[in-house]
Protein backbone atom coordinates (compact mmCIF):
# COMPACT_ATOMS: atom_id res chain seq x y z
CA MET A 1 53.78 -21.58 -18.65
CA THR A 2 54.81 -18.19 -18.53
CA ALA A 3 55.86 -16.10 -16.07
CA PRO A 4 52.85 -13.09 -15.14
CA THR A 5 53.79 -9.60 -16.34
CA ALA A 6 52.97 -6.95 -13.86
CA LEU A 7 50.01 -5.13 -15.23
CA PRO A 8 50.40 -1.42 -16.29
CA THR A 9 49.09 1.20 -13.43
CA ALA A 10 47.90 4.99 -14.52
CA ARG A 11 51.46 6.31 -13.69
CA THR A 12 53.18 3.88 -16.37
CA ALA A 13 50.32 2.82 -19.24
CA GLY A 14 51.82 4.40 -21.75
CA ARG A 15 55.23 4.93 -21.11
CA PRO A 16 57.91 4.09 -23.48
CA GLN A 17 59.24 0.13 -21.84
CA LEU A 18 62.43 -1.17 -21.59
CA ARG A 19 62.59 -4.50 -22.68
CA LEU A 20 65.42 -6.78 -21.42
CA ASN A 21 66.86 -6.89 -25.74
CA ILE A 22 66.82 -3.88 -26.28
CA GLN A 23 69.17 -2.25 -28.03
CA GLU A 24 71.68 0.45 -27.11
CA ALA A 25 70.54 2.99 -29.91
CA GLU A 26 66.88 2.47 -29.00
CA PHE A 27 67.85 2.83 -25.18
CA ASN A 28 69.85 6.34 -25.56
CA ARG A 29 66.83 7.50 -27.75
CA LEU A 30 63.98 6.83 -25.34
CA PHE A 31 66.07 8.40 -22.71
CA GLN A 32 67.35 11.48 -24.79
CA ALA A 33 63.51 12.01 -25.33
CA TRP A 34 62.80 12.22 -21.45
CA PHE A 35 65.93 14.37 -21.02
CA ARG A 36 64.94 16.54 -23.62
CA CYS A 37 61.39 17.54 -22.75
CA LEU A 38 62.93 17.90 -18.84
CA ARG A 39 64.91 20.22 -20.10
CA ASN A 40 62.54 22.28 -22.26
CA HIS A 41 60.04 22.49 -18.89
CA GLY A 42 62.85 23.85 -16.81
CA ALA A 43 65.28 21.11 -15.26
CA PRO A 44 68.68 22.05 -15.35
CA PHE A 45 71.56 19.81 -16.99
CA ASN A 46 74.89 20.84 -15.41
CA ARG A 47 78.16 19.39 -15.58
CA VAL A 48 79.90 19.16 -12.44
CA PRO A 49 83.64 19.07 -12.37
CA GLY A 50 85.22 15.37 -11.95
CA ALA A 51 81.60 14.15 -11.69
CA LYS A 52 79.77 12.37 -14.42
CA ARG A 53 76.88 14.42 -15.98
CA ILE A 54 74.07 15.38 -13.50
CA HIS A 55 70.27 15.47 -14.29
CA PRO A 56 66.93 16.11 -12.89
CA ALA A 57 65.90 12.64 -11.87
CA THR A 58 68.25 12.62 -9.71
CA TYR A 59 66.83 14.99 -7.21
CA PRO A 60 63.52 14.86 -9.02
CA SER A 61 61.94 16.94 -5.34
CA LEU A 62 63.87 19.47 -6.94
CA TYR A 63 62.07 19.84 -10.24
CA PRO A 64 58.29 18.82 -9.73
CA LYS A 65 56.64 20.12 -11.90
CA ALA A 66 59.06 19.23 -14.85
CA MET A 67 59.05 15.26 -13.28
CA LYS A 68 55.20 15.74 -13.88
CA ALA A 69 55.06 17.24 -17.24
CA CYS A 70 57.50 14.53 -18.70
CA GLU A 71 56.04 11.36 -16.67
CA GLY A 72 54.84 10.68 -19.87
CA ARG A 73 58.44 10.03 -21.29
CA GLN A 74 60.11 8.11 -18.33
CA PRO A 75 61.20 4.81 -20.09
CA ILE A 76 60.43 1.89 -17.63
CA HIS A 77 61.95 -1.43 -16.95
CA LEU A 78 59.92 -3.78 -17.33
CA SER A 79 60.32 -7.49 -15.58
């Protein structure tokens, strides 16, 4: 017997899916495509001295237009 899986919703249908066995190169490719889309829609990617790279997904409410425009590229975790 297999465990039930979550059915796609309108917000998740068609989005890239992160499988448990995803390879690092594929993981990076999916996120880079999303980040590129966000950047192309005006969301800045900045570096803060002494901190990791800051990206718009950290503060999605500051970049609603970019987040909405790129929603279909945002990878989702399968459960």
